[in-house]
Amino acid sequence: MAETAASGPGMPQLDVTTFSNQIFWLVVAMVVLYFVMSRVALPRVASVLADRRSAITADIAAAEEYKLKAQEAEEAFKKAEADARAEAARIVEAAKAEMQEALNAQIAKADAEIASKSAESEKRIREITANAVEMVNEVSTDVTKDILAAFDVKADARSVNAAVKAQMKGDA
């Protein structure tokens, strides 16, 4: 049996006697395939491509619209931000002015207190100075009397007081 199979005609596609049959059915199959493809499959593919093209066009148009809306929103945000910054600057300036007024009032109050205390201090210094001058006069009079007494010089209190006052004033 192996010999019979080996001596047979071989592959039927390569048999020259069936070439015309094979070519006929190849042409028939190609024509049928062409008509099926051109009438059924290709229109469907073309409609899918057209649908995709229209969807892409619509998406691009929507994207442009959203882009314009985003730009408008960004401009509105920038304007709102600028307005908010201006309002904040105005509030800061108002707060600064208010604090400056309060500071000026406090400074004026402090200046008044300082002036009052300064006047009071000057008054006390004048009193202390007057008391010191009076005490110096008394001490000078007492010392002069003691010195004169130590030298056995007799002088009345009026002349000693006059001499000390004259010396204190710088007349002598």
N, C-alpha and C. Protein backbone atom coordinates (compact mmCIF):
# COMPACT_ATOMS: atom_id res chain seq x y z
N MET A 1 0.79 -1.17 0.00
CA MET A 1 0.00 0.00 0.00
C MET A 1 0.84 1.24 0.00
N ALA A 2 1.89 1.21 0.65
CA ALA A 2 2.80 2.33 0.66
C ALA A 2 3.28 2.62 -0.75
N GLU A 3 3.44 1.57 -1.56
CA GLU A 3 3.90 1.80 -2.92
C GLU A 3 2.81 2.44 -3.75
N THR A 4 1.58 2.11 -3.50
CA THR A 4 0.48 2.66 -4.27
C THR A 4 0.33 4.15 -3.97
N ALA A 5 0.47 4.57 -2.72
CA ALA A 5 0.35 5.97 -2.35
C ALA A 5 1.50 6.76 -2.91
N ALA A 6 2.68 6.14 -2.98
CA ALA A 6 3.84 6.85 -3.47
C ALA A 6 3.79 6.99 -4.98
N SER A 7 3.18 6.09 -5.64
CA SER A 7 3.14 6.18 -7.10
C SER A 7 1.94 6.98 -7.57
N GLY A 8 1.05 7.45 -6.64
CA GLY A 8 -0.14 8.22 -6.98
C GLY A 8 0.22 9.60 -7.52
N PRO A 9 -0.81 10.31 -7.92
CA PRO A 9 -0.57 11.57 -8.56
C PRO A 9 0.04 12.63 -7.63
N GLY A 10 -0.01 12.58 -6.34
CA GLY A 10 0.57 13.56 -5.41
C GLY A 10 -0.48 14.55 -4.96
N MET A 11 -0.09 15.78 -4.75
CA MET A 11 -1.01 16.81 -4.24
C MET A 11 -1.97 17.22 -5.35
N PRO A 12 -3.29 17.27 -5.04
CA PRO A 12 -4.25 17.58 -6.10
C PRO A 12 -4.12 19.03 -6.58
N GLN A 13 -3.66 19.94 -5.76
CA GLN A 13 -3.52 21.33 -6.20
C GLN A 13 -2.45 21.45 -7.28
N LEU A 14 -1.47 20.55 -7.30
CA LEU A 14 -0.38 20.63 -8.25
C LEU A 14 -0.63 19.75 -9.49
N ASP A 15 -1.78 19.17 -9.53
CA ASP A 15 -2.10 18.32 -10.69
C ASP A 15 -2.48 19.23 -11.84
N VAL A 16 -1.74 19.17 -12.95
CA VAL A 16 -1.91 20.05 -14.09
C VAL A 16 -3.25 19.81 -14.77
N THR A 17 -3.79 18.67 -14.68
CA THR A 17 -5.04 18.36 -15.34
C THR A 17 -6.22 19.07 -14.69
N THR A 18 -6.10 19.48 -13.40
CA THR A 18 -7.20 20.15 -12.72
C THR A 18 -6.99 21.66 -12.63
N PHE A 19 -5.99 22.21 -13.32
CA PHE A 19 -5.70 23.64 -13.24
C PHE A 19 -6.85 24.48 -13.74
N SER A 20 -7.48 24.12 -14.83
CA SER A 20 -8.56 24.93 -15.38
C SER A 20 -9.74 24.98 -14.41
N ASN A 21 -10.06 23.85 -13.81
CA ASN A 21 -11.10 23.79 -12.79
C ASN A 21 -10.76 24.71 -11.60
N GLN A 22 -9.54 24.61 -11.17
CA GLN A 22 -9.10 25.40 -10.01
C GLN A 22 -9.15 26.90 -10.34
N ILE A 23 -8.71 27.27 -11.52
CA ILE A 23 -8.72 28.67 -11.91
C ILE A 23 -10.15 29.17 -12.02
N PHE A 24 -11.07 28.38 -12.57
CA PHE A 24 -12.48 28.76 -12.67
C PHE A 24 -13.05 29.06 -11.30
N TRP A 25 -12.87 28.12 -10.36
CA TRP A 25 -13.43 28.30 -9.02
C TRP A 25 -12.72 29.43 -8.26
N LEU A 26 -11.47 29.64 -8.57
CA LEU A 26 -10.75 30.78 -7.96
C LEU A 26 -11.37 32.08 -8.42
N VAL A 27 -11.65 32.21 -9.71
CA VAL A 27 -12.24 33.42 -10.25
C VAL A 27 -13.65 33.59 -9.69
N VAL A 28 -14.44 32.51 -9.61
CA VAL A 28 -15.78 32.59 -9.06
C VAL A 28 -15.72 33.04 -7.59
N ALA A 29 -14.83 32.45 -6.84
CA ALA A 29 -14.70 32.80 -5.42
C ALA A 29 -14.27 34.27 -5.26
N MET A 30 -13.38 34.72 -6.11
CA MET A 30 -12.91 36.10 -6.02
C MET A 30 -14.02 37.09 -6.38
N VAL A 31 -14.82 36.76 -7.41
CA VAL A 31 -15.92 37.64 -7.80
C VAL A 31 -16.95 37.69 -6.69
N VAL A 32 -17.30 36.53 -6.12
CA VAL A 32 -18.26 36.50 -5.03
C VAL A 32 -17.71 37.28 -3.82
N LEU A 33 -16.47 37.05 -3.53
CA LEU A 33 -15.84 37.75 -2.40
C LEU A 33 -15.82 39.25 -2.66
N TYR A 34 -15.54 39.67 -3.89
CA TYR A 34 -15.51 41.09 -4.23
C TYR A 34 -16.89 41.71 -4.04
N PHE A 35 -17.94 41.04 -4.57
CA PHE A 35 -19.29 41.58 -4.43
C PHE A 35 -19.74 41.62 -2.97
N VAL A 36 -19.42 40.58 -2.22
CA VAL A 36 -19.79 40.58 -0.79
C VAL A 36 -19.06 41.71 -0.06
N MET A 37 -17.79 41.84 -0.35
CA MET A 37 -17.00 42.88 0.33
C MET A 37 -17.48 44.27 -0.09
N SER A 38 -17.71 44.48 -1.41
CA SER A 38 -18.07 45.82 -1.87
C SER A 38 -19.50 46.20 -1.49
N ARG A 39 -20.39 45.22 -1.34
CA ARG A 39 -21.79 45.53 -1.05
C ARG A 39 -22.11 45.46 0.44
N VAL A 40 -21.36 44.67 1.22
CA VAL A 40 -21.71 44.48 2.63
C VAL A 40 -20.63 45.03 3.56
N ALA A 41 -19.45 44.50 3.47
CA ALA A 41 -18.41 44.81 4.46
C ALA A 41 -17.85 46.22 4.28
N LEU A 42 -17.49 46.60 3.09
CA LEU A 42 -16.88 47.91 2.88
C LEU A 42 -17.83 49.06 3.23
N PRO A 43 -19.14 48.99 2.88
CA PRO A 43 -20.02 50.09 3.33
C PRO A 43 -20.10 50.18 4.86
N ARG A 44 -20.08 49.05 5.51
CA ARG A 44 -20.11 49.09 6.98
C ARG A 44 -18.82 49.73 7.52
N VAL A 45 -17.69 49.32 6.95
CA VAL A 45 -16.41 49.91 7.38
C VAL A 45 -16.41 51.40 7.09
N ALA A 46 -16.91 51.78 5.90
CA ALA A 46 -16.96 53.21 5.53
C ALA A 46 -17.87 53.98 6.49
N SER A 47 -19.01 53.38 6.86
CA SER A 47 -19.90 54.09 7.79
C SER A 47 -19.27 54.20 9.18
N VAL A 48 -18.57 53.17 9.59
CA VAL A 48 -17.86 53.24 10.88
C VAL A 48 -16.80 54.32 10.83
N LEU A 49 -16.04 54.39 9.72
CA LEU A 49 -15.01 55.43 9.60
C LEU A 49 -15.64 56.82 9.57
N ALA A 50 -16.79 56.94 8.86
CA ALA A 50 -17.48 58.23 8.82
C ALA A 50 -17.98 58.61 10.21
N ASP A 51 -18.55 57.62 10.93
CA ASP A 51 -19.00 57.88 12.30
C ASP A 51 -17.85 58.32 13.19
N ARG A 52 -16.72 57.63 13.05
CA ARG A 52 -15.55 57.99 13.86
C ARG A 52 -15.07 59.40 13.51
N ARG A 53 -15.05 59.69 12.20
CA ARG A 53 -14.61 61.01 11.75
C ARG A 53 -15.53 62.09 12.31
N SER A 54 -16.85 61.87 12.26
CA SER A 54 -17.80 62.86 12.79
C SER A 54 -17.69 62.95 14.31
N ALA A 55 -17.46 61.82 14.98
CA ALA A 55 -17.29 61.86 16.44
C ALA A 55 -16.03 62.63 16.81
N ILE A 56 -14.95 62.41 16.06
CA ILE A 56 -13.70 63.12 16.32
C ILE A 56 -13.89 64.61 16.08
N THR A 57 -14.59 64.96 14.98
CA THR A 57 -14.85 66.36 14.68
C THR A 57 -15.69 67.00 15.80
N ALA A 58 -16.73 66.27 16.24
CA ALA A 58 -17.57 66.79 17.32
C ALA A 58 -16.76 66.93 18.61
N ASP A 59 -15.88 65.97 18.90
CA ASP A 59 -15.05 66.04 20.11
C ASP A 59 -14.09 67.22 20.03
N ILE A 60 -13.53 67.45 18.84
CA ILE A 60 -12.62 68.59 18.67
C ILE A 60 -13.38 69.89 18.86
N ALA A 61 -14.58 69.97 18.30
CA ALA A 61 -15.40 71.19 18.48
C ALA A 61 -15.74 71.40 19.95
N ALA A 62 -16.11 70.29 20.63
CA ALA A 62 -16.43 70.39 22.06
C ALA A 62 -15.19 70.80 22.85
N ALA A 63 -14.04 70.26 22.46
CA ALA A 63 -12.80 70.62 23.15
C ALA A 63 -12.48 72.10 22.96
N GLU A 64 -12.70 72.61 21.77
CA GLU A 64 -12.49 74.04 21.52
C GLU A 64 -13.44 74.88 22.37
N GLU A 65 -14.69 74.43 22.44
CA GLU A 65 -15.67 75.14 23.25
C GLU A 65 -15.27 75.13 24.73
N TYR A 66 -14.83 73.97 25.21
CA TYR A 66 -14.40 73.86 26.61
C TYR A 66 -13.14 74.68 26.84
N LYS A 67 -12.29 74.74 25.82
CA LYS A 67 -11.08 75.54 25.94
C LYS A 67 -11.44 77.02 26.09
N LEU A 68 -12.40 77.48 25.27
CA LEU A 68 -12.85 78.87 25.37
C LEU A 68 -13.48 79.14 26.74
N LYS A 69 -14.29 78.18 27.20
CA LYS A 69 -14.90 78.34 28.52
C LYS A 69 -13.83 78.37 29.62
N ALA A 70 -12.82 77.52 29.46
CA ALA A 70 -11.73 77.50 30.45
C ALA A 70 -10.97 78.82 30.43
N GLN A 71 -10.75 79.38 29.23
CA GLN A 71 -10.07 80.67 29.15
C GLN A 71 -10.92 81.77 29.78
N GLU A 72 -12.22 81.73 29.53
CA GLU A 72 -13.11 82.72 30.15
C GLU A 72 -13.11 82.57 31.67
N ALA A 73 -13.13 81.32 32.12
CA ALA A 73 -13.10 81.08 33.58
C ALA A 73 -11.78 81.55 34.17
N GLU A 74 -10.69 81.32 33.43
CA GLU A 74 -9.38 81.76 33.92
C GLU A 74 -9.33 83.29 33.99
N GLU A 75 -9.87 83.97 32.96
CA GLU A 75 -9.90 85.43 32.98
C GLU A 75 -10.77 85.94 34.13
N ALA A 76 -11.90 85.27 34.35
CA ALA A 76 -12.77 85.67 35.47
C ALA A 76 -12.05 85.45 36.80
N PHE A 77 -11.33 84.34 36.91
CA PHE A 77 -10.57 84.06 38.13
C PHE A 77 -9.49 85.11 38.34
N LYS A 78 -8.78 85.45 37.26
CA LYS A 78 -7.72 86.46 37.39
C LYS A 78 -8.30 87.81 37.79
N LYS A 79 -9.45 88.16 37.21
CA LYS A 79 -10.10 89.42 37.58
C LYS A 79 -10.54 89.39 39.04
N ALA A 80 -11.13 88.25 39.45
CA ALA A 80 -11.56 88.12 40.85
C ALA A 80 -10.35 88.18 41.78
N GLU A 81 -9.26 87.55 41.36
CA GLU A 81 -8.05 87.57 42.18
C GLU A 81 -7.51 88.99 42.29
N ALA A 82 -7.49 89.72 41.15
CA ALA A 82 -7.01 91.11 41.18
C ALA A 82 -7.92 91.96 42.06
N ASP A 83 -9.24 91.76 41.94
CA ASP A 83 -10.18 92.50 42.78
C ASP A 83 -9.95 92.18 44.26
N ALA A 84 -9.74 90.89 44.54
CA ALA A 84 -9.51 90.48 45.94
C ALA A 84 -8.22 91.10 46.46
N ARG A 85 -7.19 91.11 45.62
CA ARG A 85 -5.92 91.72 46.04
C ARG A 85 -6.10 93.22 46.30
N ALA A 86 -6.84 93.88 45.41
CA ALA A 86 -7.08 95.31 45.60
C ALA A 86 -7.87 95.56 46.88
N GLU A 87 -8.88 94.73 47.12
CA GLU A 87 -9.68 94.86 48.35
C GLU A 87 -8.82 94.62 49.58
N ALA A 88 -7.95 93.59 49.49
CA ALA A 88 -7.06 93.30 50.62
C ALA A 88 -6.11 94.47 50.86
N ALA A 89 -5.58 95.04 49.77
CA ALA A 89 -4.69 96.20 49.92
C ALA A 89 -5.44 97.37 50.55
N ARG A 90 -6.69 97.58 50.12
CA ARG A 90 -7.49 98.67 50.70
C ARG A 90 -7.73 98.43 52.19
N ILE A 91 -8.04 97.18 52.53
CA ILE A 91 -8.28 96.85 53.95
C ILE A 91 -7.00 97.05 54.76
N VAL A 92 -5.88 96.63 54.19
CA VAL A 92 -4.59 96.79 54.89
C VAL A 92 -4.30 98.27 55.09
N GLU A 93 -4.53 99.08 54.04
CA GLU A 93 -4.28 100.52 54.17
C GLU A 93 -5.20 101.14 55.22
N ALA A 94 -6.47 100.71 55.22
CA ALA A 94 -7.41 101.24 56.22
C ALA A 94 -6.96 100.84 57.63
N ALA A 95 -6.52 99.59 57.77
CA ALA A 95 -6.06 99.12 59.08
C ALA A 95 -4.81 99.89 59.50
N LYS A 96 -3.90 100.13 58.53
CA LYS A 96 -2.70 100.90 58.85
C LYS A 96 -3.07 102.31 59.29
N ALA A 97 -4.00 102.93 58.57
CA ALA A 97 -4.41 104.29 58.92
C ALA A 97 -5.05 104.32 60.31
N GLU A 98 -5.89 103.31 60.57
CA GLU A 98 -6.54 103.23 61.88
C GLU A 98 -5.50 103.04 62.99
N MET A 99 -4.54 102.15 62.74
CA MET A 99 -3.49 101.91 63.76
C MET A 99 -2.63 103.15 63.92
N GLN A 100 -2.37 103.89 62.80
CA GLN A 100 -1.58 105.11 62.90
C GLN A 100 -2.31 106.15 63.72
N GLU A 101 -3.64 106.26 63.53
CA GLU A 101 -4.42 107.20 64.33
C GLU A 101 -4.36 106.82 65.81
N ALA A 102 -4.52 105.53 66.08
CA ALA A 102 -4.45 105.08 67.48
C ALA A 102 -3.06 105.35 68.05
N LEU A 103 -2.03 105.10 67.24
CA LEU A 103 -0.67 105.33 67.68
C LEU A 103 -0.44 106.82 67.93
N ASN A 104 -0.94 107.66 67.03
CA ASN A 104 -0.79 109.11 67.23
C ASN A 104 -1.50 109.57 68.50
N ALA A 105 -2.69 109.00 68.75
CA ALA A 105 -3.41 109.34 69.98
C ALA A 105 -2.62 108.91 71.21
N GLN A 106 -2.07 107.71 71.16
CA GLN A 106 -1.27 107.22 72.28
C GLN A 106 -0.01 108.08 72.47
N ILE A 107 0.61 108.46 71.34
CA ILE A 107 1.81 109.31 71.42
C ILE A 107 1.45 110.66 72.03
N ALA A 108 0.32 111.24 71.58
CA ALA A 108 -0.11 112.53 72.13
C ALA A 108 -0.39 112.40 73.63
N LYS A 109 -1.05 111.30 74.00
CA LYS A 109 -1.34 111.08 75.42
C LYS A 109 -0.04 110.94 76.21
N ALA A 110 0.92 110.16 75.64
CA ALA A 110 2.20 109.97 76.32
C ALA A 110 2.96 111.30 76.40
N ASP A 111 2.91 112.09 75.31
CA ASP A 111 3.58 113.39 75.33
C ASP A 111 2.97 114.29 76.40
N ALA A 112 1.64 114.26 76.53
CA ALA A 112 0.97 115.08 77.55
C ALA A 112 1.39 114.62 78.95
N GLU A 113 1.43 113.30 79.14
CA GLU A 113 1.86 112.79 80.45
C GLU A 113 3.30 113.16 80.73
N ILE A 114 4.14 113.05 79.70
CA ILE A 114 5.56 113.40 79.88
C ILE A 114 5.69 114.88 80.19
N ALA A 115 4.93 115.72 79.46
CA ALA A 115 4.99 117.16 79.71
C ALA A 115 4.52 117.47 81.12
N SER A 116 3.44 116.80 81.55
CA SER A 116 2.91 117.02 82.89
C SER A 116 3.93 116.61 83.94
N LYS A 117 4.51 115.40 83.74
CA LYS A 117 5.50 114.92 84.71
C LYS A 117 6.76 115.78 84.66
N SER A 118 7.10 116.24 83.45
CA SER A 118 8.28 117.10 83.32
C SER A 118 8.07 118.41 84.06
N ALA A 119 6.87 118.99 83.89
CA ALA A 119 6.57 120.25 84.59
C ALA A 119 6.58 120.03 86.10
N GLU A 120 6.00 118.90 86.51
CA GLU A 120 5.99 118.59 87.95
C GLU A 120 7.41 118.38 88.45
N SER A 121 8.22 117.69 87.65
CA SER A 121 9.62 117.46 88.06
C SER A 121 10.39 118.77 88.12
N GLU A 122 10.16 119.65 87.14
CA GLU A 122 10.84 120.95 87.16
C GLU A 122 10.43 121.75 88.38
N LYS A 123 9.14 121.67 88.72
CA LYS A 123 8.67 122.39 89.91
C LYS A 123 9.36 121.85 91.15
N ARG A 124 9.44 120.49 91.22
CA ARG A 124 10.10 119.89 92.39
C ARG A 124 11.58 120.24 92.41
N ILE A 125 12.21 120.28 91.24
CA ILE A 125 13.64 120.65 91.18
C ILE A 125 13.83 122.09 91.65
N ARG A 126 12.91 122.99 91.21
CA ARG A 126 13.02 124.38 91.68
C ARG A 126 12.85 124.46 93.19
N GLU A 127 11.88 123.66 93.71
CA GLU A 127 11.68 123.65 95.16
C GLU A 127 12.92 123.12 95.86
N ILE A 128 13.46 122.01 95.33
CA ILE A 128 14.67 121.43 95.94
C ILE A 128 15.83 122.42 95.85
N THR A 129 15.94 123.10 94.68
CA THR A 129 17.02 124.07 94.52
C THR A 129 16.84 125.24 95.50
N ALA A 130 15.59 125.71 95.61
CA ALA A 130 15.33 126.82 96.54
C ALA A 130 15.63 126.38 97.97
N ASN A 131 15.21 125.14 98.30
CA ASN A 131 15.51 124.63 99.65
C ASN A 131 17.01 124.47 99.84
N ALA A 132 17.69 124.01 98.80
CA ALA A 132 19.15 123.83 98.90
C ALA A 132 19.84 125.17 99.08
N VAL A 133 19.39 126.18 98.34
CA VAL A 133 19.99 127.52 98.47
C VAL A 133 19.71 128.06 99.88
N GLU A 134 18.51 127.84 100.36
CA GLU A 134 18.16 128.28 101.70
C GLU A 134 19.02 127.57 102.73
N MET A 135 19.19 126.25 102.53
CA MET A 135 20.01 125.48 103.48
C MET A 135 21.47 125.91 103.42
N VAL A 136 21.93 126.21 102.18
CA VAL A 136 23.32 126.69 102.04
C VAL A 136 23.46 128.02 102.75
N ASN A 137 22.47 128.89 102.61
CA ASN A 137 22.50 130.19 103.31
C ASN A 137 22.56 129.96 104.82
N GLU A 138 21.72 129.04 105.32
CA GLU A 138 21.72 128.78 106.76
C GLU A 138 23.06 128.21 107.21
N VAL A 139 23.53 127.20 106.43
CA VAL A 139 24.81 126.57 106.80
C VAL A 139 25.93 127.60 106.73
N SER A 140 25.90 128.42 105.62
CA SER A 140 26.96 129.44 105.48
C SER A 140 26.90 130.45 106.63
N THR A 141 25.70 130.85 107.02
CA THR A 141 25.55 131.79 108.11
C THR A 141 26.08 131.17 109.41
N ASP A 142 25.69 129.90 109.67
CA ASP A 142 26.15 129.22 110.88
C ASP A 142 27.66 129.04 110.88
N VAL A 143 28.21 128.66 109.72
CA VAL A 143 29.67 128.46 109.65
C VAL A 143 30.38 129.79 109.84
N THR A 144 29.84 130.85 109.22
CA THR A 144 30.46 132.17 109.36
C THR A 144 30.42 132.62 110.82
N LYS A 145 29.30 132.39 111.47
CA LYS A 145 29.19 132.75 112.89
C LYS A 145 30.19 131.95 113.71
N ASP A 146 30.32 130.66 113.41
CA ASP A 146 31.26 129.82 114.15
C ASP A 146 32.71 130.26 113.92
N ILE A 147 33.02 130.61 112.66
CA ILE A 147 34.39 131.06 112.35
C ILE A 147 34.67 132.37 113.08
N LEU A 148 33.71 133.30 113.03
CA LEU A 148 33.90 134.58 113.71
C LEU A 148 34.02 134.37 115.22
N ALA A 149 33.25 133.42 115.74
CA ALA A 149 33.32 133.15 117.17
C ALA A 149 34.66 132.53 117.51
N ALA A 150 35.20 131.71 116.60
CA ALA A 150 36.49 131.08 116.85
C ALA A 150 37.59 132.14 116.87
N PHE A 151 37.45 133.22 116.12
CA PHE A 151 38.45 134.28 116.10
C PHE A 151 38.11 135.40 117.11
N ASP A 152 37.17 135.24 117.91
CA ASP A 152 36.69 136.17 118.92
C ASP A 152 36.26 137.51 118.30
N VAL A 153 35.62 137.39 117.16
CA VAL A 153 35.11 138.60 116.50
C VAL A 153 33.63 138.65 116.80
N LYS A 154 33.20 139.85 117.21
CA LYS A 154 31.79 140.01 117.53
C LYS A 154 31.11 140.62 116.31
N ALA A 155 30.06 139.95 115.84
CA ALA A 155 29.28 140.49 114.72
C ALA A 155 27.83 140.16 115.00
N ASP A 156 27.00 141.10 114.62
CA ASP A 156 25.59 140.82 114.87
C ASP A 156 25.05 139.91 113.75
N ALA A 157 23.94 139.30 113.98
CA ALA A 157 23.37 138.31 113.05
C ALA A 157 22.96 138.98 111.75
N ARG A 158 22.50 140.24 111.82
CA ARG A 158 22.06 140.93 110.62
C ARG A 158 23.23 141.17 109.67
N SER A 159 24.34 141.63 110.14
CA SER A 159 25.50 141.90 109.28
C SER A 159 26.06 140.59 108.72
N VAL A 160 26.06 139.50 109.52
CA VAL A 160 26.53 138.19 109.03
C VAL A 160 25.61 137.71 107.92
N ASN A 161 24.30 137.83 108.12
CA ASN A 161 23.34 137.40 107.09
C ASN A 161 23.51 138.21 105.82
N ALA A 162 23.71 139.52 105.94
CA ALA A 162 23.89 140.39 104.78
C ALA A 162 25.16 140.03 104.05
N ALA A 163 26.25 139.75 104.78
CA ALA A 163 27.52 139.40 104.15
C ALA A 163 27.40 138.06 103.41
N VAL A 164 26.72 137.08 104.01
CA VAL A 164 26.56 135.77 103.38
C VAL A 164 25.69 135.90 102.12
N LYS A 165 24.59 136.69 102.21
CA LYS A 165 23.72 136.88 101.05
C LYS A 165 24.46 137.57 99.93
N ALA A 166 25.26 138.54 100.28
CA ALA A 166 26.04 139.26 99.27
C ALA A 166 27.04 138.30 98.62
N GLN A 167 27.65 137.47 99.38
CA GLN A 167 28.61 136.51 98.86
C GLN A 167 27.92 135.48 97.94
N MET A 168 26.74 135.06 98.36
CA MET A 168 25.99 134.07 97.57
C MET A 168 25.55 134.68 96.24
N LYS A 169 25.18 135.96 96.25
CA LYS A 169 24.76 136.62 95.02
C LYS A 169 25.96 136.97 94.15
N GLY A 170 27.11 136.98 94.70
CA GLY A 170 28.32 137.29 93.94
C GLY A 170 28.66 138.78 93.96
N ASP A 171 28.08 139.55 94.93
CA ASP A 171 28.34 141.00 94.96
C ASP A 171 29.67 141.29 95.62
N ALA A 172 30.14 140.52 96.55
CA ALA A 172 31.35 140.87 97.29
C ALA A 172 32.59 140.50 96.58
